[in-house]
Amino acid sequence: MNREPRTMQVADAATASRAPENTPAMVKKIGKTTYKVHVHFSNTSTETMSDKIKRMLKNEIQQM
C-alpha cells in the first residue's frame, strides 16, 4: 500500500493561476489528506465577514 500523503486539488488550473503567490493560505492535514485553502476577499464587497456568516446560517436554517 502507498504510504505517501495525498493532496486534494479542488481548483482547476485557470482558477489556481489567478491566485497571487502572497495569498494567505490555511493548510490542514486530516488523516493522510492535506488540504490547502487560499483566502480571497473582494475589494468591492460591502458585507462584513460577520454579516456573511449570519446570512449563510439564516439561509441554511430556512432550507431545513
Protein backbone atom coordinates (compact mmCIF):
# COMPACT_ATOMS: atom_id res chain seq x y z
CA MET A 1 0.00 0.00 0.00
CA ASN A 2 1.26 3.51 -0.86
CA ARG A 3 2.02 5.49 2.32
CA GLU A 4 2.71 8.87 0.66
CA PRO A 5 0.37 11.70 1.76
CA ARG A 6 -2.28 12.62 -0.78
CA THR A 7 -3.05 16.18 -1.80
CA MET A 8 -6.58 17.04 -2.89
CA GLN A 9 -6.81 19.58 -5.70
CA VAL A 10 -10.22 21.25 -5.94
CA ALA A 11 -9.49 24.29 -8.10
CA ASP A 12 -8.97 23.99 -11.81
CA ALA A 13 -5.81 25.35 -13.42
CA ALA A 14 -7.48 28.59 -14.57
CA THR A 15 -8.65 29.42 -11.04
CA ALA A 16 -5.35 28.47 -9.43
CA SER A 17 -3.36 30.65 -11.81
CA ARG A 18 -5.30 33.76 -10.68
CA ALA A 19 -4.21 33.47 -7.03
CA PRO A 20 -1.17 35.64 -6.27
CA GLU A 21 1.82 34.00 -4.61
CA ASN A 22 1.32 36.04 -1.42
CA THR A 23 -2.32 34.99 -0.96
CA PRO A 24 -2.94 33.80 2.63
CA ALA A 25 -3.44 30.06 2.89
CA MET A 26 -4.53 27.64 5.58
CA VAL A 27 -3.06 24.15 5.50
CA LYS A 28 -4.85 21.39 7.41
CA LYS A 29 -3.91 17.73 7.43
CA ILE A 30 -6.71 15.29 8.18
CA GLY A 31 -5.50 11.71 8.19
CA LYS A 32 -3.42 11.21 5.06
CA THR A 33 -5.05 14.09 3.17
CA THR A 34 -3.61 17.61 3.23
CA TYR A 35 -6.00 20.49 2.47
CA LYS A 36 -4.57 23.85 1.39
CA VAL A 37 -7.13 26.65 1.29
CA HIS A 38 -6.33 30.07 -0.15
CA VAL A 39 -8.32 33.03 1.15
CA HIS A 40 -9.61 35.81 -1.08
CA PHE A 41 -11.69 38.83 -0.16
CA SER A 42 -13.33 41.16 -2.64
CA ASN A 43 -12.13 44.76 -2.55
CA THR A 44 -15.60 45.96 -3.57
CA SER A 45 -17.62 43.98 -1.03
CA THR A 46 -19.97 45.92 1.26
CA GLU A 47 -20.76 42.96 3.52
CA THR A 48 -18.60 42.15 6.56
CA MET A 49 -17.48 38.58 7.27
CA SER A 50 -19.78 38.51 10.29
CA ASP A 51 -22.75 39.63 8.15
CA LYS A 52 -21.96 36.99 5.55
CA ILE A 53 -21.78 34.18 8.12
CA LYS A 54 -25.07 35.30 9.68
CA ARG A 55 -26.70 35.41 6.22
CA MET A 56 -25.40 31.95 5.34
CA LEU A 57 -26.65 30.48 8.64
CA LYS A 58 -30.05 32.11 8.19
CA ASN A 59 -30.32 30.67 4.65
CA GLU A 60 -29.29 27.24 5.91
CA ILE A 61 -31.98 27.27 8.63
CA GLN A 62 -34.63 28.34 6.10
CA GLN A 63 -33.77 25.35 3.91
CA MET A 64 -34.46 22.90 6.75
